[in-house]
């Protein structure tokens, strides 16, 4: 990764809610290559041009990750139909060793997501660490196979710039909804 991309990642990781980030600080500058739940090679920029809800998870999680996916469903369902059709959901696995495209496809199907709008990504450890740093997700793999991680939902604008982020999962979080609504209003502004 070049120096400019490293600076962008570090800067984006420390952006606080409500601050404006320069267009050059797009998360799409990260060089990591991933595969989605269909096995298709993709980069994060696969969702460029759309507002995005982005987070990190792992498929075998029985605790926080199912709640995270439920909250993303709830957030998406609360949007007006035009906005819902435009929003993309991007979830990057923290467990690339076990989260194969087949495992991600099974998870996507069991959660009834729209595969045209939801992408579950797996990739090499270094690419996963870059995304975690950019989103401010802290994680640690335990010997039991469990991955302790922070639960962050980021709202990206059409250029991939983080416009807001939410730490923790609060079902029906009105603050998250307000930030999503605000980010989308700006996305649709002339």
Protein backbone atom coordinates (compact mmCIF):
# COMPACT_ATOMS: atom_id res chain seq x y z
CA UNK A 1 0.00 0.00 0.00
CA UNK A 2 1.38 3.45 -0.84
CA UNK A 3 2.06 6.18 1.73
CA UNK A 4 -0.99 8.22 0.72
CA UNK A 5 -3.29 5.21 1.24
CA UNK A 6 -1.73 4.51 4.66
CA UNK A 7 -2.29 8.13 5.69
CA UNK A 8 -5.89 7.90 4.45
CA UNK A 9 -6.52 4.73 6.45
CA UNK A 10 -5.08 6.20 9.64
CA UNK A 11 -7.02 9.43 9.19
CA UNK A 12 -10.32 7.67 8.45
CA UNK A 13 -9.84 5.41 11.49
CA UNK A 14 -9.75 8.44 13.78
CA UNK A 15 -12.56 10.46 12.23
CA UNK A 16 -15.21 11.26 14.77
CA UNK A 17 -18.94 11.30 14.14
CA UNK A 18 -20.13 14.32 12.22
CA UNK A 19 -16.75 15.45 10.89
CA UNK A 20 -16.28 15.88 7.19
CA UNK A 21 -13.60 13.82 5.44
CA UNK A 22 -11.95 14.81 2.19
CA UNK A 23 -12.91 12.81 -0.90
CA UNK A 24 -9.32 11.53 -1.08
CA UNK A 25 -9.99 9.60 2.15
CA UNK A 26 -12.30 7.09 0.55
CA UNK A 27 -12.16 3.60 2.00
CA UNK A 28 -12.11 2.45 -1.63
CA UNK A 29 -8.42 3.39 -1.73
CA UNK A 30 -7.61 0.27 0.30
CA UNK A 31 -5.82 -2.16 -1.97
CA UNK A 32 -7.18 -5.43 -0.53
CA UNK A 33 -8.75 -7.99 -2.82
CA UNK A 34 -11.75 -9.96 -1.56
CA UNK A 35 -14.24 -12.58 -2.68
CA UNK A 36 -17.96 -12.19 -2.13
CA UNK A 37 -20.48 -14.86 -1.20
CA UNK A 38 -20.67 -15.99 -4.83
CA UNK A 39 -16.90 -16.45 -5.06
CA UNK A 40 -16.56 -13.41 -7.32
CA UNK A 41 -13.30 -11.47 -6.82
CA UNK A 42 -14.14 -7.90 -5.76
CA UNK A 43 -12.63 -4.83 -4.16
CA UNK A 44 -14.41 -2.63 -1.65
CA UNK A 45 -15.19 -0.24 -4.49
CA UNK A 46 -17.71 -2.74 -5.86
CA UNK A 47 -20.36 -0.60 -4.12
CA UNK A 48 -19.01 2.78 -5.31
CA UNK A 49 -21.77 5.14 -6.38
CA UNK A 50 -24.17 4.03 -3.62
CA UNK A 51 -24.60 4.99 0.02
CA UNK A 52 -23.28 2.05 2.07
CA UNK A 53 -23.84 0.52 5.49
CA UNK A 54 -20.58 -1.26 6.31
CA UNK A 55 -19.48 -3.50 9.15
CA UNK A 56 -17.31 -6.48 10.10
CA UNK A 57 -18.48 -9.85 11.40
CA UNK A 58 -17.76 -13.57 11.25
CA UNK A 59 -20.18 -16.27 10.14
CA UNK A 60 -19.77 -18.74 13.01
CA UNK A 61 -20.50 -16.08 15.65
CA UNK A 62 -23.51 -16.94 17.77
CA UNK A 63 -23.51 -13.76 19.82
CA UNK A 64 -23.09 -10.27 18.45
CA UNK A 65 -22.88 -10.86 14.71
CA UNK A 66 -26.46 -12.16 14.32
CA UNK A 67 -27.63 -9.05 16.19
CA UNK A 68 -25.52 -6.89 13.88
CA UNK A 69 -27.07 -8.43 10.78
CA UNK A 70 -30.55 -8.03 12.29
CA UNK A 71 -29.84 -4.37 13.02
CA UNK A 72 -28.66 -3.81 9.45
CA UNK A 73 -31.90 -5.45 8.20
CA UNK A 74 -33.96 -3.24 10.54
CA UNK A 75 -32.11 -0.10 9.44
CA UNK A 76 -32.54 -0.92 5.78
CA UNK A 77 -36.23 -1.80 6.19
CA UNK A 78 -36.92 1.56 7.83
CA UNK A 79 -35.69 3.50 4.80
CA UNK A 80 -38.02 4.90 2.15
CA UNK A 81 -38.25 2.51 -0.84
CA UNK A 82 -36.14 4.69 -3.17
CA UNK A 83 -33.33 4.99 -0.61
CA UNK A 84 -33.56 1.29 0.31
CA UNK A 85 -33.13 0.33 -3.33
CA UNK A 86 -30.01 2.49 -3.58
CA UNK A 87 -28.30 1.56 -0.29
CA UNK A 88 -25.74 -1.25 -0.28
CA UNK A 89 -24.65 -3.33 2.70
CA UNK A 90 -21.02 -4.44 2.86
CA UNK A 91 -19.92 -6.92 5.53
CA UNK A 92 -16.26 -7.97 5.76
CA UNK A 93 -15.38 -11.19 7.57
CA UNK A 94 -12.93 -11.17 10.45
CA UNK A 95 -12.41 -14.92 9.97
CA UNK A 96 -11.15 -15.51 6.43
CA UNK A 97 -9.84 -18.99 7.31
CA UNK A 98 -13.36 -20.30 7.98
CA UNK A 99 -15.53 -17.82 6.10
CA UNK A 100 -15.22 -19.21 2.62
CA UNK A 101 -17.51 -17.95 -0.13
CA UNK A 102 -19.66 -21.07 0.42
CA UNK A 103 -20.01 -20.30 4.16
CA UNK A 104 -20.86 -16.68 3.36
CA UNK A 105 -23.41 -17.73 0.73
CA UNK A 106 -25.09 -19.99 3.30
CA UNK A 107 -25.19 -17.11 5.79
CA UNK A 108 -26.62 -14.72 3.20
CA UNK A 109 -29.31 -17.21 2.23
CA UNK A 110 -30.24 -18.00 5.84
CA UNK A 111 -30.63 -14.27 6.52
CA UNK A 112 -32.73 -13.67 3.42
CA UNK A 113 -30.62 -10.80 2.13
CA UNK A 114 -30.91 -9.30 -1.33
CA UNK A 115 -27.70 -10.54 -3.06
CA UNK A 116 -27.81 -7.59 -5.46
CA UNK A 117 -27.44 -5.17 -2.55
CA UNK A 118 -25.73 -7.15 0.25
CA UNK A 119 -22.13 -8.32 -0.09
CA UNK A 120 -20.44 -10.61 2.42
CA UNK A 121 -16.69 -10.45 1.77
CA UNK A 122 -13.77 -12.64 2.73
CA UNK A 123 -10.13 -11.91 2.01
CA UNK A 124 -6.58 -12.31 3.22
CA UNK A 125 -5.65 -11.35 6.79
CA UNK A 126 -3.75 -8.23 5.73
CA UNK A 127 -6.74 -6.89 3.78
CA UNK A 128 -9.03 -7.63 6.74
CA UNK A 129 -6.69 -5.77 9.11
CA UNK A 130 -6.68 -2.74 6.77
CA UNK A 131 -10.47 -2.60 6.74
CA UNK A 132 -10.62 -3.01 10.53
CA UNK A 133 -8.18 -0.11 10.97
CA UNK A 134 -10.15 2.08 8.57
CA UNK A 135 -13.45 1.38 10.35
CA UNK A 136 -11.98 1.51 13.85
CA UNK A 137 -12.89 -2.13 14.55
CA UNK A 138 -10.78 -3.77 17.24
CA UNK A 139 -10.61 -7.56 17.23
CA UNK A 140 -8.76 -10.45 18.80
CA UNK A 141 -8.88 -14.14 17.92
CA UNK A 142 -9.14 -16.45 20.93
CA UNK A 143 -7.81 -20.02 21.03
CA UNK A 144 -11.44 -21.24 21.21
CA UNK A 145 -12.17 -19.91 17.73
CA UNK A 146 -14.22 -17.02 19.08
CA UNK A 147 -13.29 -13.58 17.81
CA UNK A 148 -13.80 -10.74 20.25
CA UNK A 149 -14.54 -7.62 18.23
CA UNK A 150 -16.11 -4.23 18.46
CA UNK A 151 -19.42 -3.81 16.66
CA UNK A 152 -19.18 -0.85 14.32
CA UNK A 153 -21.64 0.17 11.66
CA UNK A 154 -20.24 2.81 9.33
CA UNK A 155 -22.22 4.90 6.87
CA UNK A 156 -20.27 5.63 3.68
CA UNK A 157 -21.21 8.18 1.08
CA UNK A 158 -21.22 7.40 -2.64
CA UNK A 159 -17.45 7.98 -2.82
CA UNK A 160 -16.67 5.63 0.06
CA UNK A 161 -15.98 8.33 2.63
CA UNK A 162 -17.10 7.48 6.15
CA UNK A 163 -19.79 9.98 7.12
CA UNK A 164 -20.69 8.47 10.47
CA UNK A 165 -20.15 5.38 12.58
CA UNK A 166 -21.98 3.71 15.39
CA UNK A 167 -20.22 1.67 18.10
CA UNK A 168 -22.18 -1.12 19.69
CA UNK A 169 -25.51 -2.58 18.81
CA UNK A 170 -28.66 -1.13 20.25
CA UNK A 171 -31.74 -2.66 18.60
CA UNK A 172 -33.67 0.08 16.82
CA UNK A 173 -30.96 2.62 17.72
CA UNK A 174 -32.55 6.02 16.99
CA UNK A 175 -29.09 7.66 16.85
CA UNK A 176 -27.95 5.25 14.13
CA UNK A 177 -31.17 5.87 12.21
CA UNK A 178 -30.70 9.64 12.48
CA UNK A 179 -27.13 9.36 11.16
CA UNK A 180 -28.19 7.05 8.31
CA UNK A 181 -31.06 9.35 7.41
CA UNK A 182 -28.78 12.39 7.49
CA UNK A 183 -26.10 10.66 5.39
CA UNK A 184 -28.72 9.57 2.86
CA UNK A 185 -30.27 13.04 2.72
CA UNK A 186 -26.84 14.40 1.84
CA UNK A 187 -26.38 11.59 -0.71
CA UNK A 188 -29.57 12.64 -2.49
CA UNK A 189 -28.98 16.38 -2.22
CA UNK A 190 -28.32 18.14 -5.56
